[in-house]
N, C-alpha and C. Protein backbone atom coordinates (compact mmCIF):
# COMPACT_ATOMS: atom_id res chain seq x y z
N UNK A 1 39.36 198.37 98.14
CA UNK A 1 38.83 198.02 96.84
C UNK A 1 37.82 199.10 96.42
N UNK A 2 37.94 199.58 95.21
CA UNK A 2 37.05 200.64 94.74
C UNK A 2 35.74 200.07 94.24
N UNK A 3 34.76 200.95 94.12
CA UNK A 3 33.47 200.54 93.57
C UNK A 3 33.61 200.05 92.14
N UNK A 4 34.51 200.69 91.38
CA UNK A 4 34.75 200.28 89.99
C UNK A 4 35.27 198.85 89.94
N UNK A 5 36.18 198.50 90.85
CA UNK A 5 36.73 197.15 90.89
C UNK A 5 35.64 196.14 91.24
N UNK A 6 34.77 196.49 92.17
CA UNK A 6 33.68 195.60 92.54
C UNK A 6 32.73 195.36 91.36
N UNK A 7 32.49 196.40 90.59
CA UNK A 7 31.64 196.24 89.40
C UNK A 7 32.30 195.28 88.42
N UNK A 8 33.60 195.44 88.18
CA UNK A 8 34.33 194.54 87.27
C UNK A 8 34.27 193.10 87.77
N UNK A 9 34.43 192.91 89.08
CA UNK A 9 34.36 191.56 89.64
C UNK A 9 32.97 190.96 89.45
N UNK A 10 31.95 191.77 89.66
CA UNK A 10 30.57 191.30 89.48
C UNK A 10 30.31 190.95 88.02
N UNK A 11 30.80 191.77 87.10
CA UNK A 11 30.65 191.49 85.67
C UNK A 11 31.36 190.19 85.34
N UNK A 12 32.59 190.03 85.83
CA UNK A 12 33.35 188.81 85.57
C UNK A 12 32.57 187.59 86.06
N UNK A 13 32.07 187.64 87.28
CA UNK A 13 31.35 186.50 87.85
C UNK A 13 30.10 186.18 87.05
N UNK A 14 29.33 187.19 86.70
CA UNK A 14 28.09 186.96 85.95
C UNK A 14 28.38 186.40 84.57
N UNK A 15 29.39 186.95 83.90
CA UNK A 15 29.71 186.49 82.54
C UNK A 15 30.27 185.07 82.58
N UNK A 16 31.15 184.78 83.54
CA UNK A 16 31.71 183.43 83.61
C UNK A 16 30.63 182.39 83.88
N UNK A 17 29.76 182.68 84.84
CA UNK A 17 28.67 181.74 85.13
C UNK A 17 27.79 181.51 83.91
N UNK A 18 27.51 182.57 83.20
CA UNK A 18 26.69 182.47 81.99
C UNK A 18 27.38 181.64 80.92
N UNK A 19 28.65 181.94 80.66
CA UNK A 19 29.39 181.18 79.64
C UNK A 19 29.54 179.72 80.03
N UNK A 20 29.78 179.46 81.30
CA UNK A 20 29.93 178.07 81.74
C UNK A 20 28.63 177.28 81.54
N UNK A 21 27.52 177.87 81.95
CA UNK A 21 26.22 177.21 81.78
C UNK A 21 25.92 176.99 80.30
N UNK A 22 26.17 178.00 79.48
CA UNK A 22 25.90 177.88 78.05
C UNK A 22 26.84 176.87 77.40
N UNK A 23 28.09 176.83 77.86
CA UNK A 23 29.04 175.86 77.32
C UNK A 23 28.58 174.43 77.60
N UNK A 24 28.22 174.17 78.84
CA UNK A 24 27.79 172.83 79.20
C UNK A 24 26.55 172.42 78.42
N UNK A 25 25.60 173.32 78.32
CA UNK A 25 24.38 173.02 77.57
C UNK A 25 24.69 172.84 76.08
N UNK A 26 25.45 173.76 75.52
CA UNK A 26 25.75 173.70 74.09
C UNK A 26 26.62 172.53 73.69
N UNK A 27 27.57 172.17 74.54
CA UNK A 27 28.49 171.07 74.22
C UNK A 27 27.82 169.71 74.34
N UNK A 28 26.76 169.62 75.15
CA UNK A 28 26.13 168.33 75.36
C UNK A 28 24.71 168.22 74.79
N UNK A 29 23.95 169.29 74.76
CA UNK A 29 22.57 169.23 74.28
C UNK A 29 22.41 169.80 72.87
N UNK A 30 23.08 170.88 72.57
CA UNK A 30 22.91 171.53 71.26
C UNK A 30 23.71 170.79 70.19
N UNK A 31 24.88 170.31 70.54
CA UNK A 31 25.71 169.59 69.58
C UNK A 31 24.94 168.37 69.05
N UNK A 32 24.91 168.22 67.73
CA UNK A 32 24.19 167.09 67.14
C UNK A 32 25.06 165.83 67.17
N UNK A 33 24.41 164.71 66.97
CA UNK A 33 25.12 163.43 66.93
C UNK A 33 26.16 163.44 65.80
N UNK A 34 25.78 163.96 64.64
CA UNK A 34 26.70 164.01 63.50
C UNK A 34 27.90 164.90 63.80
N UNK A 35 27.68 166.02 64.46
CA UNK A 35 28.79 166.90 64.83
C UNK A 35 29.72 166.18 65.81
N UNK A 36 29.15 165.54 66.82
CA UNK A 36 29.95 164.85 67.83
C UNK A 36 30.78 163.73 67.21
N UNK A 37 30.18 162.99 66.30
CA UNK A 37 30.88 161.86 65.69
C UNK A 37 31.82 162.29 64.56
N UNK A 38 31.51 163.39 63.89
CA UNK A 38 32.28 163.78 62.72
C UNK A 38 33.36 164.81 62.93
N UNK A 39 33.33 165.53 64.04
CA UNK A 39 34.23 166.68 64.21
C UNK A 39 35.71 166.32 64.28
N UNK A 40 36.03 165.09 64.54
CA UNK A 40 37.44 164.70 64.59
C UNK A 40 37.87 163.92 63.36
N UNK A 41 36.97 163.77 62.39
CA UNK A 41 37.32 163.04 61.17
C UNK A 41 38.42 163.77 60.41
N UNK A 42 39.27 163.03 59.73
CA UNK A 42 40.33 163.70 58.97
C UNK A 42 39.77 164.50 57.79
N UNK A 43 40.52 165.48 57.35
CA UNK A 43 40.18 166.24 56.15
C UNK A 43 39.07 167.24 56.35
N UNK A 44 38.53 167.68 55.20
CA UNK A 44 37.53 168.74 55.21
C UNK A 44 36.23 168.33 55.86
N UNK A 45 35.85 167.07 55.75
CA UNK A 45 34.59 166.63 56.37
C UNK A 45 34.64 166.88 57.88
N UNK A 46 35.73 166.51 58.51
CA UNK A 46 35.87 166.73 59.95
C UNK A 46 35.92 168.19 60.30
N UNK A 47 36.62 168.96 59.48
CA UNK A 47 36.70 170.41 59.74
C UNK A 47 35.33 171.06 59.67
N UNK A 48 34.52 170.64 58.70
CA UNK A 48 33.18 171.22 58.55
C UNK A 48 32.29 170.83 59.73
N UNK A 49 32.31 169.55 60.14
CA UNK A 49 31.50 169.13 61.28
C UNK A 49 31.92 169.88 62.54
N UNK A 50 33.22 170.05 62.71
CA UNK A 50 33.71 170.76 63.89
C UNK A 50 33.30 172.24 63.84
N UNK A 51 33.41 172.85 62.67
CA UNK A 51 33.00 174.25 62.52
C UNK A 51 31.51 174.41 62.82
N UNK A 52 30.69 173.49 62.33
CA UNK A 52 29.25 173.56 62.60
C UNK A 52 28.98 173.47 64.10
N UNK A 53 29.69 172.58 64.77
CA UNK A 53 29.54 172.47 66.23
C UNK A 53 29.92 173.78 66.91
N UNK A 54 31.06 174.33 66.55
CA UNK A 54 31.55 175.55 67.20
C UNK A 54 30.61 176.73 66.91
N UNK A 55 30.08 176.79 65.71
CA UNK A 55 29.13 177.86 65.39
C UNK A 55 27.88 177.74 66.25
N UNK A 56 27.30 176.54 66.35
CA UNK A 56 26.09 176.37 67.16
C UNK A 56 26.38 176.62 68.64
N UNK A 57 27.56 176.22 69.09
CA UNK A 57 27.95 176.47 70.48
C UNK A 57 28.13 177.96 70.75
N UNK A 58 28.75 178.66 69.82
CA UNK A 58 28.97 180.10 69.98
C UNK A 58 27.65 180.85 69.96
N UNK A 59 26.72 180.43 69.12
CA UNK A 59 25.39 181.05 69.10
C UNK A 59 24.69 180.81 70.44
N UNK A 60 24.83 179.62 70.98
CA UNK A 60 24.24 179.32 72.29
C UNK A 60 24.80 180.25 73.36
N UNK A 61 26.11 180.47 73.34
CA UNK A 61 26.74 181.36 74.31
C UNK A 61 26.32 182.81 74.10
N UNK A 62 26.21 183.23 72.86
CA UNK A 62 25.76 184.58 72.56
C UNK A 62 24.34 184.81 73.07
N UNK A 63 23.45 183.87 72.81
CA UNK A 63 22.07 184.00 73.28
C UNK A 63 22.03 184.08 74.80
N UNK A 64 22.84 183.26 75.47
CA UNK A 64 22.88 183.29 76.94
C UNK A 64 23.39 184.64 77.44
N UNK A 65 24.42 185.18 76.80
CA UNK A 65 24.94 186.49 77.20
C UNK A 65 23.93 187.60 76.96
N UNK A 66 23.22 187.52 75.84
CA UNK A 66 22.18 188.52 75.58
C UNK A 66 21.05 188.42 76.60
N UNK A 67 20.69 187.19 76.97
CA UNK A 67 19.66 187.01 78.00
C UNK A 67 20.13 187.60 79.33
N UNK A 68 21.39 187.38 79.67
CA UNK A 68 21.96 187.97 80.88
C UNK A 68 21.85 189.49 80.84
N UNK A 69 22.21 190.06 79.70
CA UNK A 69 22.17 191.52 79.56
C UNK A 69 20.75 192.06 79.67
N UNK A 70 19.80 191.38 79.05
CA UNK A 70 18.42 191.85 79.07
C UNK A 70 17.82 191.72 80.47
N UNK A 71 18.03 190.60 81.11
CA UNK A 71 17.42 190.35 82.42
C UNK A 71 18.05 191.21 83.52
N UNK A 72 19.36 191.39 83.47
CA UNK A 72 20.05 192.11 84.56
C UNK A 72 20.35 193.56 84.23
N UNK A 73 20.26 193.93 82.96
CA UNK A 73 20.64 195.28 82.57
C UNK A 73 22.14 195.45 82.41
N UNK A 74 22.87 194.35 82.47
CA UNK A 74 24.32 194.40 82.32
C UNK A 74 24.69 194.92 80.94
N UNK A 75 25.57 195.90 80.91
CA UNK A 75 25.98 196.52 79.66
C UNK A 75 27.31 195.92 79.21
N UNK A 76 27.22 194.93 78.32
CA UNK A 76 28.43 194.31 77.78
C UNK A 76 28.79 195.01 76.47
N UNK A 77 30.02 195.42 76.34
CA UNK A 77 30.47 196.11 75.14
C UNK A 77 30.53 195.10 73.99
N UNK A 78 29.85 195.37 72.87
CA UNK A 78 29.79 194.41 71.76
C UNK A 78 31.16 193.98 71.23
N UNK A 79 32.10 194.90 71.12
CA UNK A 79 33.41 194.53 70.57
C UNK A 79 34.15 193.59 71.51
N UNK A 80 34.09 193.85 72.82
CA UNK A 80 34.75 192.99 73.79
C UNK A 80 34.06 191.63 73.86
N UNK A 81 32.74 191.65 73.75
CA UNK A 81 31.98 190.40 73.76
C UNK A 81 32.34 189.57 72.52
N UNK A 82 32.43 190.22 71.37
CA UNK A 82 32.80 189.52 70.14
C UNK A 82 34.22 188.96 70.23
N UNK A 83 35.13 189.75 70.80
CA UNK A 83 36.52 189.29 70.94
C UNK A 83 36.59 188.07 71.86
N UNK A 84 35.89 188.12 72.97
CA UNK A 84 35.88 187.00 73.91
C UNK A 84 35.28 185.75 73.28
N UNK A 85 34.16 185.90 72.58
CA UNK A 85 33.54 184.76 71.92
C UNK A 85 34.43 184.19 70.81
N UNK A 86 35.16 185.06 70.12
CA UNK A 86 36.07 184.59 69.06
C UNK A 86 37.21 183.77 69.65
N UNK A 87 37.81 184.25 70.74
CA UNK A 87 38.89 183.50 71.40
C UNK A 87 38.36 182.14 71.87
N UNK A 88 37.19 182.15 72.46
CA UNK A 88 36.59 180.90 72.93
C UNK A 88 36.32 179.95 71.75
N UNK A 89 35.78 180.46 70.66
CA UNK A 89 35.45 179.62 69.51
C UNK A 89 36.69 179.00 68.90
N UNK A 90 37.74 179.78 68.72
CA UNK A 90 38.98 179.27 68.12
C UNK A 90 39.58 178.19 69.02
N UNK A 91 39.63 178.44 70.33
CA UNK A 91 40.21 177.45 71.24
C UNK A 91 39.36 176.19 71.29
N UNK A 92 38.05 176.34 71.18
CA UNK A 92 37.16 175.17 71.21
C UNK A 92 37.35 174.33 69.95
N UNK A 93 37.40 174.99 68.82
CA UNK A 93 37.62 174.28 67.56
C UNK A 93 38.93 173.51 67.62
N UNK A 94 39.99 174.17 68.09
CA UNK A 94 41.32 173.55 68.15
C UNK A 94 41.27 172.26 68.97
N UNK A 95 40.65 172.31 70.13
CA UNK A 95 40.60 171.13 70.99
C UNK A 95 39.69 170.05 70.44
N UNK A 96 38.58 170.44 69.83
CA UNK A 96 37.60 169.46 69.37
C UNK A 96 37.99 168.73 68.09
N UNK A 97 39.05 169.14 67.46
CA UNK A 97 39.56 168.33 66.34
C UNK A 97 40.24 167.07 66.88
N UNK A 98 40.41 167.00 68.17
CA UNK A 98 40.88 165.89 68.99
C UNK A 98 42.35 165.53 68.82
N UNK A 99 42.85 165.42 67.61
CA UNK A 99 44.27 165.06 67.46
C UNK A 99 45.16 166.14 68.07
N UNK A 100 44.71 167.38 68.01
CA UNK A 100 45.48 168.49 68.56
C UNK A 100 45.62 168.36 70.07
N UNK A 101 44.51 168.08 70.74
CA UNK A 101 44.53 167.94 72.20
C UNK A 101 45.30 166.69 72.60
N UNK A 102 45.15 165.62 71.84
CA UNK A 102 45.89 164.38 72.13
C UNK A 102 47.40 164.62 72.01
N UNK A 103 47.81 165.36 70.99
CA UNK A 103 49.24 165.67 70.82
C UNK A 103 49.76 166.55 71.94
N UNK A 104 48.95 167.53 72.37
CA UNK A 104 49.35 168.37 73.50
C UNK A 104 49.49 167.53 74.76
N UNK A 105 48.53 166.64 75.01
CA UNK A 105 48.60 165.76 76.18
C UNK A 105 49.87 164.91 76.14
N UNK A 106 50.21 164.42 74.98
CA UNK A 106 51.42 163.61 74.85
C UNK A 106 52.67 164.44 75.14
N UNK A 107 52.73 165.64 74.58
CA UNK A 107 53.89 166.52 74.81
C UNK A 107 54.06 166.88 76.28
N UNK A 108 52.94 166.96 77.00
CA UNK A 108 53.00 167.34 78.41
C UNK A 108 53.06 166.13 79.34
N UNK A 109 53.23 164.93 78.76
CA UNK A 109 53.32 163.72 79.57
C UNK A 109 51.99 163.25 80.14
N UNK A 110 50.89 163.68 79.54
CA UNK A 110 49.55 163.33 80.00
C UNK A 110 48.88 162.26 79.13
N UNK A 111 49.64 161.59 78.26
CA UNK A 111 49.05 160.66 77.31
C UNK A 111 48.34 159.49 78.00
N UNK A 112 48.88 159.01 79.12
CA UNK A 112 48.21 157.92 79.84
C UNK A 112 46.88 158.39 80.42
N UNK A 113 46.88 159.60 80.98
CA UNK A 113 45.63 160.15 81.51
C UNK A 113 44.63 160.37 80.37
N UNK A 114 45.11 160.87 79.24
CA UNK A 114 44.25 161.11 78.09
C UNK A 114 43.53 159.82 77.67
N UNK A 115 44.21 158.70 77.73
CA UNK A 115 43.64 157.42 77.27
C UNK A 115 42.82 156.71 78.33
N UNK A 116 42.79 157.22 79.57
CA UNK A 116 42.02 156.55 80.62
C UNK A 116 40.55 156.44 80.23
N UNK A 117 40.00 155.25 80.46
CA UNK A 117 38.58 155.03 80.18
C UNK A 117 38.27 154.68 78.74
N UNK A 118 39.26 154.76 77.84
CA UNK A 118 39.03 154.39 76.44
C UNK A 118 39.09 152.87 76.31
N UNK A 119 38.40 152.33 75.31
CA UNK A 119 38.46 150.88 75.11
C UNK A 119 39.90 150.42 74.89
N UNK A 120 40.24 149.33 75.51
CA UNK A 120 41.58 148.76 75.34
C UNK A 120 41.56 147.79 74.17
N UNK A 121 42.61 147.84 73.40
CA UNK A 121 42.71 146.96 72.23
C UNK A 121 42.61 145.50 72.68
N UNK A 122 41.82 144.72 71.95
CA UNK A 122 41.67 143.31 72.26
C UNK A 122 40.66 143.02 73.35
N UNK A 123 39.92 144.03 73.79
CA UNK A 123 38.88 143.81 74.81
C UNK A 123 37.55 144.31 74.28
N UNK A 124 36.50 144.02 75.01
CA UNK A 124 35.18 144.53 74.61
C UNK A 124 34.75 145.69 75.50
N UNK A 125 35.74 146.46 75.99
CA UNK A 125 35.43 147.64 76.81
C UNK A 125 34.50 148.58 76.05
N UNK A 126 33.66 149.25 76.79
CA UNK A 126 32.75 150.22 76.18
C UNK A 126 33.18 151.63 76.57
N UNK A 127 33.24 152.56 75.59
CA UNK A 127 33.59 153.94 75.94
C UNK A 127 32.47 154.58 76.76
N UNK A 128 32.84 155.52 77.59
CA UNK A 128 31.86 156.23 78.42
C UNK A 128 32.35 157.65 78.63
N UNK A 129 31.55 158.47 79.26
CA UNK A 129 31.91 159.87 79.44
C UNK A 129 33.05 160.08 80.41
N UNK A 130 33.40 159.11 81.19
CA UNK A 130 34.43 159.27 82.20
C UNK A 130 35.84 159.03 81.70
N UNK A 131 36.17 159.48 80.51
CA UNK A 131 37.51 159.25 79.99
C UNK A 131 38.44 160.41 80.33
N UNK A 132 39.73 160.10 80.32
CA UNK A 132 40.73 161.15 80.49
C UNK A 132 40.65 162.18 79.39
N UNK A 133 40.38 161.71 78.15
CA UNK A 133 40.25 162.63 77.02
C UNK A 133 39.13 163.63 77.27
N UNK A 134 38.00 163.15 77.78
CA UNK A 134 36.87 164.02 78.06
C UNK A 134 37.22 165.03 79.17
N UNK A 135 37.88 164.55 80.22
CA UNK A 135 38.26 165.45 81.32
C UNK A 135 39.23 166.53 80.83
N UNK A 136 40.21 166.15 80.02
CA UNK A 136 41.15 167.15 79.50
C UNK A 136 40.45 168.11 78.54
N UNK A 137 39.54 167.58 77.72
CA UNK A 137 38.77 168.42 76.79
C UNK A 137 37.97 169.47 77.55
N UNK A 138 37.21 169.03 78.54
CA UNK A 138 36.35 169.98 79.26
C UNK A 138 37.17 170.97 80.08
N UNK A 139 38.26 170.52 80.69
CA UNK A 139 39.07 171.47 81.46
C UNK A 139 39.73 172.49 80.54
N UNK A 140 40.10 172.08 79.32
CA UNK A 140 40.63 173.01 78.32
C UNK A 140 39.59 174.08 78.01
N UNK A 141 38.37 173.63 77.74
CA UNK A 141 37.30 174.58 77.40
C UNK A 141 37.02 175.55 78.54
N UNK A 142 36.97 175.06 79.77
CA UNK A 142 36.68 175.92 80.90
C UNK A 142 37.80 176.94 81.12
N UNK A 143 39.05 176.51 80.92
CA UNK A 143 40.16 177.45 81.05
C UNK A 143 40.04 178.58 80.03
N UNK A 144 39.64 178.24 78.81
CA UNK A 144 39.47 179.27 77.78
C UNK A 144 38.22 180.11 78.01
N UNK A 145 37.20 179.55 78.68
CA UNK A 145 36.06 180.38 79.08
C UNK A 145 36.54 181.45 80.05
N UNK A 146 37.47 181.09 80.93
CA UNK A 146 38.06 182.05 81.85
C UNK A 146 38.73 183.19 81.09
N UNK A 147 39.53 182.84 80.08
CA UNK A 147 40.22 183.85 79.26
C UNK A 147 39.20 184.73 78.54
N UNK A 148 38.20 184.09 77.94
CA UNK A 148 37.15 184.85 77.24
C UNK A 148 36.43 185.81 78.19
N UNK A 149 36.19 185.36 79.40
CA UNK A 149 35.53 186.20 80.40
C UNK A 149 36.40 187.37 80.80
N UNK A 150 37.71 187.14 80.94
CA UNK A 150 38.61 188.24 81.24
C UNK A 150 38.54 189.31 80.14
N UNK A 151 38.49 188.85 78.91
CA UNK A 151 38.41 189.79 77.78
C UNK A 151 37.10 190.58 77.85
N UNK A 152 36.00 189.89 78.05
CA UNK A 152 34.70 190.57 78.08
C UNK A 152 34.57 191.51 79.26
N UNK A 153 35.05 191.09 80.41
CA UNK A 153 34.97 191.94 81.60
C UNK A 153 35.86 193.16 81.47
N UNK A 154 36.91 193.04 80.67
CA UNK A 154 37.80 194.18 80.44
C UNK A 154 37.11 195.33 79.75
N UNK A 155 36.07 195.04 79.00
CA UNK A 155 35.33 196.08 78.30
C UNK A 155 34.16 196.63 79.07
N UNK A 156 33.93 196.09 80.27
CA UNK A 156 32.75 196.53 81.05
C UNK A 156 33.03 197.83 81.77
């Protein structure tokens, strides 16, 4: 393994850890109640709430990446960083409109898993974070963080 390859691996690891931490913080702490409740609404209202969420999340990730660069001296190429953040933002928006991810889960035979933990019709079940929809949502986002990181590390 060459020194250049080791540098790329180190960049990949640092960027992925940074994006993952920023994603978790941004998706749960930065996202507002209105964004969380409105982002899956039909029509333009839902699209706007979802876009606002994705913008605030992307800013959170950008700030985290800039902090990484400042503290460690890591030289991230702006164009590659922008491309990675754009891919991540588009994939996040797509999944967070919710009907899109639900339809994908159905096409892949995951509809029962998607509905796990959701209130059952005719019962007083309470929704909680441990739903199949939430697990599929977060795993989708993390997979795209991987893709975004590959893009960013490619420019290092």
